[in-house]
Structures are given as structure tokens and as C-alpha cells.
Amino acid sequence: MSDMGIKGIGNNIQAIFDSKEITKKNDAENSFSEMLKGSIDKVNTLQKESDQAVQDLLSGKDQNLHQVMIAVEKANLSFQLMMQVKNKVVGAYEEMMRTQV
């Protein structure tokens, strides 16, 4: 038999912890929070655009009523979607808190 020797696993385990998988997880968490913040900012922007379109229509500026209604509905739908996502996240959190370990 050849003398293959047995190598310790200590260095290999450290290499696993130093690997890209841990970094990817942190990047995924950052990207999720960035995505969430970006989505909230987008909803806010749509709300502001909707408010501005309504103000322009009421002040008599040349505004197409259909475009105003579309802007209002976009803002409304995006807000409703954001609230549903919030409800799902809160529901998942509550379910985790009820889970017995």
C-alpha cells in the first residue's frame, strides 16, 4: 500500500466558512433589503406623481383625464401590493413566533 497520509479537516472547514457562500448570503440579505427599500421608494414616487397629476388637473393645466386616472390607479395598485406583501411578512413572522422549538 502507498502511504497516502491523512490530512486534518480543520483547514478545510475554515475554507468553507471563508467561501463565497457566506458572502452570497450576506449579499442576498443586502439585496433583499435594498429591493424592499427600492420598492417602497417606487410606491412613494407613484403616489407623488399621482398627487401631482391630480393637482395639475384641478388647477386647470393641460392634463388628460385618462392619464390622471391611470396615474391614480397605478399608485393605488402599487400601494395595495405593498400592503399585501407587508401582511404576508407579518403573518410569516407571527407563524414563526407560534412555532415551538
C-alpha atoms as a PDB file:
ATOM      1  CA  MET A   1       0.000   0.000   0.000  1.00  0.00           C
ATOM      2  CA  SER A   2       1.065   3.509  -0.679  1.00  0.00           C
ATOM      3  CA  ASP A   3       1.443   5.976   2.104  1.00  0.00           C
ATOM      4  CA  MET A   4      -1.352   8.465   1.337  1.00  0.00           C
ATOM      5  CA  GLY A   5      -1.451  10.032   4.745  1.00  0.00           C
ATOM      6  CA  ILE A   6      -4.446  11.501   6.466  1.00  0.00           C
ATOM      7  CA  LYS A   7      -4.884  15.231   6.338  1.00  0.00           C
ATOM      8  CA  GLY A   8      -6.649  17.172   9.028  1.00  0.00           C
ATOM      9  CA  ILE A   9     -10.008  18.699   8.198  1.00  0.00           C
ATOM     10  CA  GLY A  10      -9.518  21.855  10.232  1.00  0.00           C
ATOM     11  CA  ASN A  11      -8.172  23.890   7.324  1.00  0.00           C
ATOM     12  CA  ASN A  12     -10.888  22.612   5.001  1.00  0.00           C
ATOM     13  CA  ILE A  13     -13.645  23.633   7.410  1.00  0.00           C
ATOM     14  CA  GLN A  14     -12.182  27.115   7.711  1.00  0.00           C
ATOM     15  CA  ALA A  15     -12.086  27.332   3.915  1.00  0.00           C
ATOM     16  CA  ILE A  16     -15.802  26.511   3.805  1.00  0.00           C
ATOM     17  CA  PHE A  17     -16.633  29.330   6.215  1.00  0.00           C
ATOM     18  CA  ASP A  18     -14.436  31.724   4.254  1.00  0.00           C
ATOM     19  CA  SER A  19     -16.018  30.700   0.962  1.00  0.00           C
ATOM     20  CA  LYS A  20     -18.279  32.742  -1.258  1.00  0.00           C
ATOM     21  CA  GLU A  21     -21.437  31.020   0.045  1.00  0.00           C
ATOM     22  CA  ILE A  22     -21.372  33.078   3.239  1.00  0.00           C
ATOM     23  CA  THR A  23     -20.708  36.246   1.232  1.00  0.00           C
ATOM     24  CA  LYS A  24     -23.540  35.393  -1.145  1.00  0.00           C
ATOM     25  CA  LYS A  25     -25.891  35.034   1.810  1.00  0.00           C
ATOM     26  CA  ASN A  26     -24.915  38.469   3.102  1.00  0.00           C
ATOM     27  CA  ASP A  27     -25.257  39.911  -0.401  1.00  0.00           C
ATOM     28  CA  ALA A  28     -28.684  38.298  -0.682  1.00  0.00           C
ATOM     29  CA  GLU A  29     -29.753  39.869   2.606  1.00  0.00           C
ATOM     30  CA  ASN A  30     -28.453  43.235   1.475  1.00  0.00           C
ATOM     31  CA  SER A  31     -30.079  42.909  -1.899  1.00  0.00           C
ATOM     32  CA  PHE A  32     -33.401  41.945  -0.277  1.00  0.00           C
ATOM     33  CA  SER A  33     -33.324  44.977   1.977  1.00  0.00           C
ATOM     34  CA  GLU A  34     -32.266  47.147  -0.953  1.00  0.00           C
ATOM     35  CA  MET A  35     -35.055  45.667  -3.078  1.00  0.00           C
ATOM     36  CA  LEU A  36     -37.556  46.334  -0.301  1.00  0.00           C
ATOM     37  CA  LYS A  37     -36.363  49.916   0.115  1.00  0.00           C
ATOM     38  CA  GLY A  38     -36.439  50.419  -3.650  1.00  0.00           C
ATOM     39  CA  SER A  39     -39.988  49.101  -3.820  1.00  0.00           C
ATOM     40  CA  ILE A  40     -41.142  51.432  -1.062  1.00  0.00           C
ATOM     41  CA  ASP A  41     -39.436  54.335  -2.812  1.00  0.00           C
ATOM     42  CA  LYS A  42     -41.182  53.392  -6.066  1.00  0.00           C
ATOM     43  CA  VAL A  43     -44.586  53.323  -4.321  1.00  0.00           C
ATOM     44  CA  ASN A  44     -43.824  56.722  -2.823  1.00  0.00           C
ATOM     45  CA  THR A  45     -42.824  58.084  -6.231  1.00  0.00           C
ATOM     46  CA  LEU A  46     -46.029  56.791  -7.812  1.00  0.00           C
ATOM     47  CA  GLN A  47     -48.065  58.391  -5.018  1.00  0.00           C
ATOM     48  CA  LYS A  48     -46.331  61.727  -5.566  1.00  0.00           C
ATOM     49  CA  GLU A  49     -46.811  61.526  -9.340  1.00  0.00           C
ATOM     50  CA  SER A  50     -50.481  60.744  -8.796  1.00  0.00           C
ATOM     51  CA  ASP A  51     -50.909  63.677  -6.431  1.00  0.00           C
ATOM     52  CA  GLN A  52     -49.153  65.996  -8.879  1.00  0.00           C
ATOM     53  CA  ALA A  53     -51.326  64.801 -11.780  1.00  0.00           C
ATOM     54  CA  VAL A  54     -54.488  65.432  -9.761  1.00  0.00           C
ATOM     55  CA  GLN A  55     -53.239  68.887  -8.720  1.00  0.00           C
ATOM     56  CA  ASP A  56     -52.417  69.715 -12.346  1.00  0.00           C
ATOM     57  CA  LEU A  57     -55.895  68.628 -13.422  1.00  0.00           C
ATOM     58  CA  LEU A  58     -57.599  70.639 -10.663  1.00  0.00           C
ATOM     59  CA  SER A  59     -55.544  73.749 -11.342  1.00  0.00           C
ATOM     60  CA  GLY A  60     -56.582  73.725 -15.000  1.00  0.00           C
ATOM     61  CA  LYS A  61     -53.250  72.818 -16.529  1.00  0.00           C
ATOM     62  CA  ASP A  62     -53.480  70.899 -19.778  1.00  0.00           C
ATOM     63  CA  GLN A  63     -53.882  67.349 -18.379  1.00  0.00           C
ATOM     64  CA  ASN A  64     -55.549  64.377 -19.959  1.00  0.00           C
ATOM     65  CA  LEU A  65     -58.165  62.943 -17.576  1.00  0.00           C
ATOM     66  CA  HIS A  66     -57.329  59.409 -18.691  1.00  0.00           C
ATOM     67  CA  GLN A  67     -53.656  59.880 -17.833  1.00  0.00           C
ATOM     68  CA  VAL A  68     -54.605  61.213 -14.404  1.00  0.00           C
ATOM     69  CA  MET A  69     -56.821  58.208 -13.737  1.00  0.00           C
ATOM     70  CA  ILE A  70     -54.071  55.844 -14.880  1.00  0.00           C
ATOM     71  CA  ALA A  71     -51.570  57.531 -12.543  1.00  0.00           C
ATOM     72  CA  VAL A  72     -54.030  57.302  -9.635  1.00  0.00           C
ATOM     73  CA  GLU A  73     -54.730  53.617 -10.302  1.00  0.00           C
ATOM     74  CA  LYS A  74     -51.009  52.810 -10.614  1.00  0.00           C
ATOM     75  CA  ALA A  75     -50.408  54.425  -7.240  1.00  0.00           C
ATOM     76  CA  ASN A  76     -53.406  52.641  -5.739  1.00  0.00           C
ATOM     77  CA  LEU A  77     -52.414  49.205  -7.042  1.00  0.00           C
ATOM     78  CA  SER A  78     -48.783  49.580  -6.012  1.00  0.00           C
ATOM     79  CA  PHE A  79     -49.861  50.607  -2.504  1.00  0.00           C
ATOM     80  CA  GLN A  80     -52.247  47.652  -2.248  1.00  0.00           C
ATOM     81  CA  LEU A  81     -49.485  45.291  -3.373  1.00  0.00           C
ATOM     82  CA  MET A  82     -47.097  46.753  -0.807  1.00  0.00           C
ATOM     83  CA  MET A  83     -49.709  46.248   1.928  1.00  0.00           C
ATOM     84  CA  GLN A  84     -50.265  42.621   0.887  1.00  0.00           C
ATOM     85  CA  VAL A  85     -46.526  41.948   0.991  1.00  0.00           C
ATOM     86  CA  LYS A  86     -46.392  43.556   4.436  1.00  0.00           C
ATOM     87  CA  ASN A  87     -49.290  41.384   5.602  1.00  0.00           C
ATOM     88  CA  LYS A  88     -47.547  38.225   4.337  1.00  0.00           C
ATOM     89  CA  VAL A  89     -44.293  39.148   6.071  1.00  0.00           C
ATOM     90  CA  VAL A  90     -46.097  39.888   9.348  1.00  0.00           C
ATOM     91  CA  GLY A  91     -48.073  36.645   9.028  1.00  0.00           C
ATOM     92  CA  ALA A  92     -44.892  34.647   8.450  1.00  0.00           C
ATOM     93  CA  TYR A  93     -43.257  36.310  11.460  1.00  0.00           C
ATOM     94  CA  GLU A  94     -46.264  35.538  13.659  1.00  0.00           C
ATOM     95  CA  GLU A  95     -46.268  31.934  12.460  1.00  0.00           C
ATOM     96  CA  MET A  96     -42.577  31.594  13.324  1.00  0.00           C
ATOM     97  CA  MET A  97     -43.217  33.012  16.777  1.00  0.00           C
ATOM     98  CA  ARG A  98     -46.000  30.463  17.385  1.00  0.00           C
ATOM     99  CA  THR A  99     -43.785  27.563  16.283  1.00  0.00           C
ATOM    100  CA  GLN A 100     -42.500  25.599  19.254  1.00  0.00           C
ATOM    101  CA  VAL A 101     -38.902  24.535  19.050  1.00  0.00           C
END
